[in-house]
Amino acid sequence: MDRARFLTLALAVCGGVLLGLAGPPGVFPGAEFLVVPGLALLFEVCSRDRGRKLALYIFGVVALGTVAWSLRHVAVVGLVLICVLGGLYMLGLCWVVRATGRGLGDGAVPWVSALGWTAFETVRSHFPWIPYPHGQVSHAFYEQLWLLRPVANVGEAGMNFLVALLAAGGLALLRRRSVLPLASCVLLWGLLSIPFAPAEPVGAPIRVALVQHALPSYADQPGVRPQLRGELAQLRPFAEEMFAEEMGMVDLSVWPESAWGMAGADEPRFLRDVATELGRSGVLLAGGAGRPSKSEPGRYCGAAFLTNFDGDVLGVREKRYRVPIGEFLPPFVAWLRWFFPGMPNVREGRDLPIPALPDGRQIGLLICFENAFPAAFAKLATEGASLFAVVSWEGWYRLGTELDQMLAMSVFRALETGSPVLRATNDGITAIVDGDGRIIDRLPVGRAGILRGETQPSRASRAAVRWGESLAAALLGVLILFGLIAVACIRRQGAA
């Protein structure tokens, strides 16, 4: 390998490592800012003539492999697919950037680089059957809320574009080509930080108690000895602690996904049992349980229930965003079921009416992986939700960095909707996030406990809710348009 190829490869590896180090939770204070040099190194590799293809593929594998490393515990096939696709995404990004440079000139390269990266984040987050929205570059700043103000106006995709444009503009300035991309990025960032739709409170604050039971289901998890999920007797001590007189009053208790077990055929009786074991007069319960399918024997879907002390159902959410490999097999790997009949086969949930509290305020219930998708929250926000509760079971990450990534996405969902997000998880990270994206309080990872606090339901008519997903599609469309124009220009130059 000659020196030029080696240098290109080294730049790619360094860039991928920097992105991995920057992502939540960040390996040291300020690590989140490493995303900028990490992306700049990627764009530099795209401009090189020798060794760039292999280097870019390795960049994609390193960057996404680092982010998704926790998946090795539950879905090695999924981890491999994510890494393979990551390399292919980078090759596609490079082709568009170089074609644009040849066809439209160097002045367009920073803009297309930023659009290309945004397209990469969008495609991998919505890829059919195997979406992987974790660890996007903007998520690195989830604790730097002063930088995330544009999220309310342009959502996750728009924030990814700004971060990528900052890196591409900085690289253009270092090359002494143009200051315009960087100056435009700073101006856009400032304008989009203006709060065009501040959140408005809805009703009185709600006193909440979020349970993190830390009862693992895998023998290699640290802490409590392995136990089965869904045994209500295991959860009774948490209810007793929650309702101890010295702890104060609670309006809403939230329990993790699957904590209540399987609802069974007699669902009303099951919920009455839950309320008897875990509830108290005047307190609402929200929690997760499996819901068997009546039309497909042997199959079930994940569900979250909102009930009162008597076990009366105030609303149900069925899980609509399932975990690939972990909960269902995408069509292209369905053949695995021939060799492993016990592979998961969770059905997709139905679209049900949004639950409402007794005073009429609506609460958006979401389950685990749904936390990662802006569209899931946007739909509930447009239906009137002023408070979100995410019930999650993330034990398969074995206390890995995916837990911090899920919390980062909850911060983004709060910023996009202007409504608080409550997270109740089995072993972390249980947290209260207010409507401005601030993490009010959280429990340590892997420790059992009850997080108590008060949250103010709120709503905001924000652009991120109205057209956040459309913006992502529009940015992808602009990139395709740039590519077509560049190809046309190259052909015209060749004909001349």
Protein backbone atom coordinates (compact mmCIF):
# COMPACT_ATOMS: atom_id res chain seq x y z
CA MET A 1 0.00 0.00 0.00
CA ASP A 2 1.49 3.33 -1.05
CA ARG A 3 1.63 6.36 1.21
CA ALA A 4 -1.37 8.16 -0.32
CA ARG A 5 -3.66 5.15 0.08
CA PHE A 6 -2.49 4.58 3.64
CA LEU A 7 -3.13 8.22 4.56
CA THR A 8 -6.63 8.07 3.07
CA LEU A 9 -7.37 4.90 5.02
CA ALA A 10 -6.01 6.42 8.23
CA LEU A 11 -8.18 9.52 7.82
CA ALA A 12 -11.27 7.34 7.33
CA VAL A 13 -10.58 5.22 10.40
CA CYS A 14 -9.91 8.32 12.52
CA GLY A 15 -13.13 9.93 11.29
CA GLY A 16 -15.19 6.85 12.08
CA VAL A 17 -13.65 6.57 15.55
CA LEU A 18 -14.30 10.26 16.27
CA LEU A 19 -17.99 9.85 15.41
CA GLY A 20 -18.18 6.78 17.62
CA LEU A 21 -16.55 8.59 20.56
CA ALA A 22 -18.82 11.61 20.14
CA GLY A 23 -22.13 9.75 20.28
CA PRO A 24 -24.15 9.41 23.47
CA PRO A 25 -23.05 9.07 26.20
CA GLY A 26 -19.72 10.63 25.11
CA VAL A 27 -16.52 9.19 26.54
CA PHE A 28 -15.45 12.47 28.20
CA PRO A 29 -16.87 15.97 28.74
CA GLY A 30 -17.09 17.81 25.44
CA ALA A 31 -16.72 14.63 23.36
CA GLU A 32 -19.92 15.51 21.50
CA PHE A 33 -18.06 18.18 19.54
CA LEU A 34 -15.91 15.47 17.92
CA VAL A 35 -18.72 14.95 15.40
CA VAL A 36 -17.54 18.04 13.51
CA PRO A 37 -13.94 16.91 12.82
CA GLY A 38 -15.24 13.36 12.30
CA LEU A 39 -17.54 14.49 9.50
CA ALA A 40 -14.87 16.83 8.11
CA LEU A 41 -12.51 13.86 7.77
CA LEU A 42 -15.21 11.94 5.92
CA PHE A 43 -15.69 14.78 3.44
CA GLU A 44 -11.91 15.04 3.03
CA VAL A 45 -11.69 11.34 2.17
CA CYS A 46 -14.43 11.83 -0.44
CA SER A 47 -12.20 14.35 -2.24
CA ARG A 48 -9.17 12.05 -2.48
CA ASP A 49 -8.32 10.15 -5.65
CA ARG A 50 -6.44 7.13 -4.32
CA GLY A 51 -7.83 4.51 -1.96
CA ARG A 52 -11.04 6.35 -1.17
CA LYS A 53 -13.49 3.50 -1.92
CA LEU A 54 -12.05 1.05 0.58
CA ALA A 55 -11.46 3.87 3.07
CA LEU A 56 -15.05 5.09 2.82
CA TYR A 57 -16.43 1.60 3.25
CA ILE A 58 -14.31 1.14 6.36
CA PHE A 59 -15.47 4.54 7.64
CA GLY A 60 -19.10 3.42 7.39
CA VAL A 61 -18.39 0.10 9.10
CA VAL A 62 -16.43 1.74 11.94
CA ALA A 63 -18.90 4.59 12.51
CA LEU A 64 -22.07 2.48 12.55
CA GLY A 65 -20.40 -0.53 14.14
CA THR A 66 -19.35 1.63 17.09
CA VAL A 67 -22.83 3.08 17.50
CA ALA A 68 -24.58 -0.30 17.20
CA TRP A 69 -22.08 -2.38 19.16
CA SER A 70 -24.59 -3.11 21.95
CA LEU A 71 -26.71 -5.05 19.44
CA ARG A 72 -24.20 -7.90 19.48
CA HIS A 73 -25.96 -9.30 22.54
CA VAL A 74 -29.30 -9.82 20.86
CA ALA A 75 -29.02 -9.52 17.07
CA VAL A 76 -25.61 -10.24 15.58
CA VAL A 77 -27.27 -10.51 12.16
CA GLY A 78 -28.71 -7.02 12.62
CA LEU A 79 -25.32 -5.63 13.67
CA VAL A 80 -23.67 -7.13 10.58
CA LEU A 81 -26.38 -5.75 8.28
CA ILE A 82 -26.02 -2.28 9.80
CA CYS A 83 -22.25 -2.32 9.27
CA VAL A 84 -22.51 -3.63 5.70
CA LEU A 85 -25.11 -1.02 4.76
CA GLY A 86 -23.07 1.69 6.51
CA GLY A 87 -20.19 1.09 4.11
CA LEU A 88 -22.50 1.13 1.08
CA TYR A 89 -24.11 4.38 2.23
CA MET A 90 -20.69 6.05 2.36
CA LEU A 91 -19.83 4.93 -1.18
CA GLY A 92 -23.10 6.39 -2.44
CA LEU A 93 -22.45 9.65 -0.60
CA CYS A 94 -18.98 9.90 -2.15
CA TRP A 95 -20.30 9.33 -5.66
CA VAL A 96 -22.83 12.15 -5.35
CA VAL A 97 -20.30 14.57 -3.83
CA ARG A 98 -17.65 13.92 -6.50
CA ALA A 99 -20.16 14.04 -9.36
CA THR A 100 -21.42 17.38 -8.08
CA GLY A 101 -17.89 18.74 -7.84
CA ARG A 102 -17.20 17.76 -11.45
CA GLY A 103 -20.51 18.99 -12.80
CA LEU A 104 -21.27 22.09 -10.74
CA GLY A 105 -17.90 23.13 -9.39
CA ASP A 106 -16.28 23.11 -5.97
CA GLY A 107 -18.67 25.75 -4.62
CA ALA A 108 -21.52 23.23 -4.50
CA VAL A 109 -19.53 20.50 -2.73
CA PRO A 110 -20.08 21.64 0.91
CA TRP A 111 -23.82 21.91 0.37
CA VAL A 112 -24.08 18.54 -1.33
CA SER A 113 -21.86 16.98 1.35
CA ALA A 114 -24.27 18.18 4.04
CA LEU A 115 -27.30 17.06 2.03
CA GLY A 116 -25.65 13.71 1.37
CA TRP A 117 -25.00 13.09 5.05
CA THR A 118 -28.57 14.09 5.92
CA ALA A 119 -29.83 11.69 3.27
CA PHE A 120 -27.69 8.92 4.76
CA GLU A 121 -29.15 9.53 8.23
CA THR A 122 -32.68 9.67 6.80
CA VAL A 123 -32.37 6.51 4.71
CA ARG A 124 -30.87 4.40 7.48
CA SER A 125 -33.57 5.65 9.87
CA HIS A 126 -36.36 4.62 7.49
CA PHE A 127 -34.84 1.70 5.61
CA PRO A 128 -37.59 -0.86 4.89
CA TRP A 129 -37.74 -3.64 7.50
CA ILE A 130 -34.42 -2.73 9.18
CA PRO A 131 -34.54 0.96 10.17
CA TYR A 132 -31.73 2.01 12.49
CA PRO A 133 -32.25 5.61 13.69
CA HIS A 134 -29.87 5.45 16.68
CA GLY A 135 -26.69 7.48 17.04
CA GLN A 136 -27.36 10.27 14.54
CA VAL A 137 -24.80 13.07 14.65
CA SER A 138 -27.20 15.62 16.13
CA HIS A 139 -27.98 13.24 19.02
CA ALA A 140 -24.47 13.84 20.34
CA PHE A 141 -25.61 17.28 21.54
CA TYR A 142 -28.61 16.08 23.56
CA GLU A 143 -27.22 17.71 26.72
CA GLN A 144 -26.25 20.94 24.91
CA LEU A 145 -29.76 22.35 24.58
CA TRP A 146 -28.52 25.80 23.59
CA LEU A 147 -27.33 24.21 20.33
CA LEU A 148 -30.52 22.22 19.74
CA ARG A 149 -33.02 25.07 19.56
CA PRO A 150 -33.50 24.61 15.78
CA VAL A 151 -34.98 21.15 16.44
CA ALA A 152 -38.36 22.73 17.27
CA ASN A 153 -38.48 24.22 13.78
CA VAL A 154 -36.70 21.71 11.53
CA GLY A 155 -36.73 18.48 13.53
CA GLU A 156 -34.09 15.79 13.63
CA ALA A 157 -33.29 15.80 9.90
CA GLY A 158 -32.83 19.56 9.79
CA MET A 159 -30.51 19.41 12.79
CA ASN A 160 -28.42 16.71 11.11
CA PHE A 161 -28.13 18.97 8.06
CA LEU A 162 -26.89 21.91 10.15
CA VAL A 163 -24.25 19.80 11.90
CA ALA A 164 -23.04 18.36 8.57
CA LEU A 165 -22.98 21.80 6.94
CA LEU A 166 -20.91 23.10 9.86
CA ALA A 167 -18.33 20.37 9.21
CA ALA A 168 -18.36 20.80 5.42
CA GLY A 169 -18.21 24.59 5.70
CA GLY A 170 -15.32 24.41 8.14
CA LEU A 171 -13.42 22.14 5.75
CA ALA A 172 -14.05 24.53 2.84
CA LEU A 173 -12.70 27.39 4.95
CA LEU A 174 -9.57 25.42 5.88
CA ARG A 175 -8.99 24.73 2.19
CA ARG A 176 -9.39 28.48 1.55
CA ARG A 177 -12.08 27.84 -1.03
CA SER A 178 -15.02 29.74 0.43
CA VAL A 179 -16.34 31.15 3.68
CA LEU A 180 -19.92 31.22 2.39
CA PRO A 181 -21.02 27.69 3.50
CA LEU A 182 -19.79 28.20 7.06
CA ALA A 183 -21.25 31.71 7.29
CA SER A 184 -24.56 30.45 5.89
CA CYS A 185 -24.60 27.63 8.44
CA VAL A 186 -24.09 30.03 11.35
CA LEU A 187 -26.80 32.35 10.02
CA LEU A 188 -29.28 29.50 9.48
CA TRP A 189 -28.53 28.07 12.91
CA GLY A 190 -29.24 31.42 14.52
CA LEU A 191 -32.46 32.10 12.60
CA LEU A 192 -33.84 28.62 13.21
CA SER A 193 -33.12 28.96 16.93
CA ILE A 194 -35.86 31.58 17.25
CA PRO A 195 -38.76 30.01 19.20
CA PHE A 196 -41.60 30.58 16.74
CA ALA A 197 -43.99 28.34 18.72
CA PRO A 198 -43.30 28.34 22.48
CA ALA A 199 -44.93 25.57 24.51
CA GLU A 200 -48.11 26.43 26.42
CA PRO A 201 -49.05 24.62 29.67
CA VAL A 202 -52.13 22.39 29.61
CA GLY A 203 -53.87 22.08 32.97
CA ALA A 204 -52.18 21.52 36.31
CA PRO A 205 -48.86 19.71 36.86
CA ILE A 206 -48.96 15.93 37.38
CA ARG A 207 -47.12 14.09 40.15
CA VAL A 208 -45.48 11.02 38.67
CA ALA A 209 -43.57 7.96 39.85
CA LEU A 210 -41.54 6.01 37.29
CA VAL A 211 -40.43 2.47 38.12
CA GLN A 212 -37.07 0.98 37.16
CA HIS A 213 -37.24 -2.55 38.54
CA ALA A 214 -33.80 -3.83 37.35
CA LEU A 215 -35.03 -7.42 37.18
CA PRO A 216 -32.91 -8.80 34.30
CA SER A 217 -33.97 -11.65 32.06
CA TYR A 218 -30.48 -12.69 30.97
CA ALA A 219 -28.06 -14.68 33.10
CA ASP A 220 -25.07 -12.54 32.13
CA GLN A 221 -26.61 -9.25 33.28
CA PRO A 222 -25.06 -7.85 36.47
CA GLY A 223 -27.08 -7.12 39.56
CA VAL A 224 -30.10 -9.12 40.65
CA ARG A 225 -30.18 -12.82 39.81
CA PRO A 226 -32.06 -13.65 36.59
CA GLN A 227 -35.82 -13.71 37.01
CA LEU A 228 -38.79 -14.00 34.74
CA ARG A 229 -40.59 -10.90 33.58
CA GLY A 230 -44.24 -10.39 34.31
CA GLU A 231 -44.56 -11.84 37.82
CA LEU A 232 -46.54 -9.18 39.63
CA ALA A 233 -45.37 -10.42 43.02
CA GLN A 234 -41.85 -9.27 42.11
CA LEU A 235 -43.14 -5.75 41.53
CA ARG A 236 -45.20 -5.42 44.72
CA PRO A 237 -42.27 -4.03 46.79
CA PHE A 238 -41.97 -1.15 44.33
CA ALA A 239 -45.67 -0.34 44.75
CA GLU A 240 -45.33 -0.45 48.54
CA GLU A 241 -42.38 1.93 48.41
CA MET A 242 -44.15 4.20 45.94
CA PHE A 243 -47.20 4.64 48.15
CA ALA A 244 -45.43 4.93 51.50
CA GLU A 245 -46.97 7.87 53.37
CA GLU A 246 -43.68 9.68 53.85
CA MET A 247 -43.09 9.68 50.06
CA GLY A 248 -46.03 11.95 49.25
CA MET A 249 -48.88 11.71 46.75
CA VAL A 250 -48.74 10.29 43.23
CA ASP A 251 -51.15 10.95 40.35
CA LEU A 252 -49.62 8.63 37.74
CA SER A 253 -47.35 5.60 38.13
CA VAL A 254 -45.51 4.35 35.04
CA TRP A 255 -44.09 0.83 34.72
CA PRO A 256 -41.71 -0.54 32.05
CA GLU A 257 -42.59 -2.47 28.92
CA SER A 258 -43.46 -6.13 29.59
CA ALA A 259 -43.32 -5.54 33.37
CA TRP A 260 -46.90 -6.76 33.77
CA GLY A 261 -46.35 -9.95 31.76
CA MET A 262 -48.92 -11.30 29.29
CA ALA A 263 -52.50 -10.06 29.40
CA GLY A 264 -54.04 -13.40 28.46
CA ALA A 265 -57.50 -14.10 27.12
CA ASP A 266 -59.34 -12.45 30.04
CA GLU A 267 -57.84 -8.98 29.70
CA PRO A 268 -60.26 -7.15 32.07
CA ARG A 269 -59.50 -9.58 34.89
CA PHE A 270 -55.77 -9.30 34.18
CA LEU A 271 -55.89 -5.51 34.49
CA ARG A 272 -57.91 -5.72 37.71
CA ASP A 273 -55.21 -7.99 39.12
CA VAL A 274 -52.55 -5.47 38.09
CA ALA A 275 -54.46 -2.62 39.73
CA THR A 276 -54.97 -4.64 42.91
CA GLU A 277 -51.30 -5.58 43.19
CA LEU A 278 -49.68 -2.33 42.07
CA GLY A 279 -52.25 0.44 42.42
CA ARG A 280 -53.88 2.63 45.02
CA SER A 281 -57.09 4.62 45.07
CA GLY A 282 -56.85 7.80 43.02
CA VAL A 283 -53.66 6.76 41.20
CA LEU A 284 -53.51 5.99 37.48
CA LEU A 285 -51.27 3.21 36.19
CA ALA A 286 -49.48 3.07 32.84
CA GLY A 287 -47.43 0.04 31.94
CA GLY A 288 -46.55 -2.56 29.37
CA ALA A 289 -47.77 -6.10 28.77
CA GLY A 290 -48.06 -8.53 25.91
CA ARG A 291 -51.46 -8.64 24.18
CA PRO A 292 -52.34 -11.98 22.52
CA SER A 293 -53.83 -11.88 19.05
CA LYS A 294 -57.40 -13.14 18.79
CA SER A 295 -57.18 -13.72 15.04
CA GLU A 296 -53.68 -15.27 14.99
CA PRO A 297 -53.28 -17.87 17.76
CA GLY A 298 -49.78 -18.03 19.17
CA ARG A 299 -48.90 -14.46 18.21
CA TYR A 300 -49.05 -11.32 20.31
CA CYS A 301 -48.16 -7.65 20.13
CA GLY A 302 -46.56 -5.33 22.64
CA ALA A 303 -49.06 -3.07 24.39
CA ALA A 304 -49.17 -0.25 26.92
CA PHE A 305 -52.27 0.20 29.08
CA LEU A 306 -53.58 3.21 30.99
CA THR A 307 -55.90 2.14 33.80
CA ASN A 308 -57.40 3.48 37.00
CA PHE A 309 -57.32 1.82 40.43
CA ASP A 310 -60.31 -0.36 39.57
CA GLY A 311 -58.58 -1.75 36.48
CA ASP A 312 -60.87 0.13 34.09
CA VAL A 313 -59.08 0.76 30.80
CA LEU A 314 -58.67 4.44 29.93
CA GLY A 315 -56.67 3.71 26.80
CA VAL A 316 -54.39 1.22 25.05
CA ARG A 317 -51.40 1.61 22.76
CA GLU A 318 -50.34 -1.32 20.59
CA LYS A 319 -46.73 -1.31 19.44
CA ARG A 320 -46.51 -0.30 15.78
CA TYR A 321 -42.73 0.04 15.39
CA ARG A 322 -41.22 -3.39 16.02
CA VAL A 323 -37.54 -4.16 16.53
CA PRO A 324 -36.08 -5.93 13.46
CA ILE A 325 -34.60 -9.35 14.29
CA GLY A 326 -35.45 -8.82 17.97
CA GLU A 327 -39.26 -8.92 17.50
CA PHE A 328 -39.83 -9.96 13.91
CA LEU A 329 -37.84 -11.24 10.94
CA PRO A 330 -37.62 -9.00 7.87
CA PRO A 331 -38.63 -10.82 4.66
CA PHE A 332 -35.06 -11.21 3.39
CA VAL A 333 -34.01 -13.19 6.49
CA ALA A 334 -37.31 -14.99 7.07
CA TRP A 335 -35.57 -18.23 6.03
CA LEU A 336 -33.85 -18.23 9.42
CA ARG A 337 -37.11 -19.50 10.91
CA TRP A 338 -36.52 -22.84 9.16
CA PHE A 339 -33.38 -23.35 11.24
CA PHE A 340 -34.51 -21.53 14.39
CA PRO A 341 -38.28 -22.08 14.86
CA GLY A 342 -38.24 -20.07 18.08
CA MET A 343 -37.28 -16.81 16.36
CA PRO A 344 -39.55 -13.89 17.38
CA ASN A 345 -42.81 -13.34 15.55
CA VAL A 346 -44.45 -10.34 17.22
CA ARG A 347 -47.28 -8.87 15.17
CA GLU A 348 -47.59 -5.19 14.28
CA GLY A 349 -50.00 -3.31 16.51
CA ARG A 350 -53.18 -1.57 15.41
CA ASP A 351 -53.76 2.17 15.27
CA LEU A 352 -55.97 2.82 18.32
CA PRO A 353 -57.47 6.03 19.78
CA ILE A 354 -55.16 8.06 22.00
CA PRO A 355 -55.68 7.50 25.76
CA ALA A 356 -57.05 10.31 27.92
CA LEU A 357 -56.69 11.14 31.60
CA PRO A 358 -59.89 11.50 33.67
CA ASP A 359 -59.72 15.30 33.31
CA GLY A 360 -59.72 14.99 29.51
CA ARG A 361 -56.04 15.68 28.87
CA GLN A 362 -54.60 13.21 26.40
CA ILE A 363 -51.44 11.21 27.01
CA GLY A 364 -49.37 9.63 24.26
CA LEU A 365 -48.23 6.14 25.22
CA LEU A 366 -45.28 4.73 23.28
CA ILE A 367 -43.37 1.49 23.58
CA CYS A 368 -39.59 1.03 23.47
CA PHE A 369 -38.38 1.31 19.83
CA GLU A 370 -41.17 3.80 19.02
CA ASN A 371 -39.18 6.35 21.03
CA ALA A 372 -36.79 6.57 18.05
CA PHE A 373 -39.31 7.77 15.46
CA PRO A 374 -40.42 11.42 15.25
CA ALA A 375 -43.47 10.43 13.19
CA ALA A 376 -44.88 8.33 16.05
CA PHE A 377 -44.81 11.32 18.41
CA ALA A 378 -45.95 13.80 15.76
CA LYS A 379 -49.09 11.77 15.07
CA LEU A 380 -50.02 11.67 18.75
CA ALA A 381 -49.20 15.37 19.15
CA THR A 382 -51.56 16.30 16.31
CA GLU A 383 -54.24 14.19 18.03
CA GLY A 384 -53.92 16.31 21.16
CA ALA A 385 -51.27 14.69 23.38
CA SER A 386 -49.78 17.09 25.93
CA LEU A 387 -47.71 14.45 27.76
CA PHE A 388 -45.83 11.37 26.54
CA ALA A 389 -44.96 8.23 28.48
CA VAL A 390 -42.46 5.79 26.98
CA VAL A 391 -42.52 2.33 28.56
CA SER A 392 -39.44 0.42 27.53
CA TRP A 393 -37.59 -2.83 28.06
CA GLU A 394 -33.97 -2.47 26.97
CA GLY A 395 -32.30 -5.29 28.88
CA TRP A 396 -30.93 -6.82 25.69
CA TYR A 397 -28.43 -3.95 25.40
CA ARG A 398 -26.74 -5.22 28.59
CA LEU A 399 -26.36 -1.67 29.98
CA GLY A 400 -24.62 -0.55 26.76
CA THR A 401 -24.48 2.85 25.09
CA GLU A 402 -27.80 2.28 23.32
CA LEU A 403 -29.46 3.28 26.61
CA ASP A 404 -27.98 6.78 26.36
CA GLN A 405 -28.95 6.95 22.70
CA MET A 406 -32.57 6.19 23.60
CA LEU A 407 -32.53 8.98 26.19
CA ALA A 408 -31.07 11.37 23.62
CA MET A 409 -33.95 10.57 21.26
CA SER A 410 -36.45 11.27 24.05
CA VAL A 411 -34.89 14.72 24.41
CA PHE A 412 -35.40 15.29 20.67
CA ARG A 413 -39.03 14.13 20.86
CA ALA A 414 -39.67 16.64 23.66
CA LEU A 415 -38.05 19.45 21.66
CA GLU A 416 -40.04 18.56 18.54
CA THR A 417 -43.43 18.44 20.27
CA GLY A 418 -42.99 20.89 23.15
CA SER A 419 -44.40 18.24 25.51
CA PRO A 420 -42.71 16.41 28.41
CA VAL A 421 -41.56 12.82 27.96
CA LEU A 422 -41.57 10.28 30.80
CA ARG A 423 -39.31 7.24 30.38
CA ALA A 424 -39.88 4.12 32.50
CA THR A 425 -37.42 1.34 31.68
CA ASN A 426 -36.44 -1.97 33.21
CA ASP A 427 -32.76 -1.15 33.84
CA GLY A 428 -32.16 2.31 32.37
CA ILE A 429 -32.37 5.05 31.58
CA THR A 430 -35.54 6.03 33.46
CA ALA A 431 -35.92 9.81 33.27
CA ILE A 432 -38.22 12.83 33.27
CA VAL A 433 -37.70 15.20 30.32
CA ASP A 434 -39.64 18.46 30.27
CA GLY A 435 -41.18 20.14 27.23
CA ASP A 436 -38.00 22.16 26.64
CA GLY A 437 -35.85 19.03 26.41
CA ARG A 438 -34.27 19.41 29.86
CA ILE A 439 -33.57 16.17 31.70
CA ILE A 440 -35.17 17.05 35.04
CA ASP A 441 -34.07 13.87 36.78
CA ARG A 442 -32.91 10.35 35.99
CA LEU A 443 -32.07 7.08 37.72
CA PRO A 444 -28.62 5.45 37.52
CA VAL A 445 -28.28 2.71 34.91
CA GLY A 446 -28.78 -0.82 36.19
CA ARG A 447 -30.10 0.10 39.64
CA ALA A 448 -33.60 -0.55 40.92
CA GLY A 449 -35.51 2.49 42.08
CA ILE A 450 -38.47 4.81 41.74
CA LEU A 451 -38.08 8.21 40.12
CA ARG A 452 -40.56 10.69 41.57
CA GLY A 453 -41.23 14.15 40.27
CA GLU A 454 -43.71 16.64 38.94
CA THR A 455 -44.21 17.43 35.28
CA GLN A 456 -46.24 20.09 33.51
CA PRO A 457 -48.17 18.84 30.45
CA SER A 458 -47.75 21.27 27.57
CA ARG A 459 -48.35 21.62 23.86
CA ALA A 460 -46.90 23.64 21.01
CA SER A 461 -47.85 23.94 17.35
CA ARG A 462 -44.34 23.39 16.08
CA ALA A 463 -43.08 23.09 12.53
CA ALA A 464 -41.15 19.95 13.46
CA VAL A 465 -44.47 18.21 14.15
CA ARG A 466 -46.28 19.59 11.12
CA TRP A 467 -43.64 18.93 8.50
CA GLY A 468 -40.53 17.45 10.10
CA GLU A 469 -40.79 14.20 8.16
CA SER A 470 -41.60 16.11 4.97
CA LEU A 471 -38.43 18.17 5.43
CA ALA A 472 -36.36 14.99 5.57
CA ALA A 473 -37.94 13.82 2.31
CA ALA A 474 -37.44 17.27 0.76
CA LEU A 475 -33.73 17.32 1.64
CA LEU A 476 -33.37 13.87 0.09
CA GLY A 477 -35.18 15.13 -3.02
CA VAL A 478 -32.87 18.14 -3.29
CA LEU A 479 -29.86 15.84 -3.11
CA ILE A 480 -31.25 13.68 -5.93
CA LEU A 481 -31.89 16.82 -7.97
CA PHE A 482 -28.30 17.99 -7.41
CA GLY A 483 -27.06 14.58 -8.54
CA LEU A 484 -29.15 14.63 -11.73
CA ILE A 485 -28.01 18.15 -12.59
CA ALA A 486 -24.39 17.18 -11.95
CA VAL A 487 -24.66 14.13 -14.23
CA ALA A 488 -26.23 16.25 -16.96
CA CYS A 489 -23.42 18.80 -16.67
CA ILE A 490 -20.77 16.08 -16.85
CA ARG A 491 -22.35 14.63 -19.99
CA ARG A 492 -22.53 18.07 -21.57
CA GLN A 493 -18.87 18.68 -20.77
CA GLY A 494 -17.98 15.31 -22.31
CA ALA A 495 -19.95 16.08 -25.46
CA ALA A 496 -18.20 19.42 -25.79
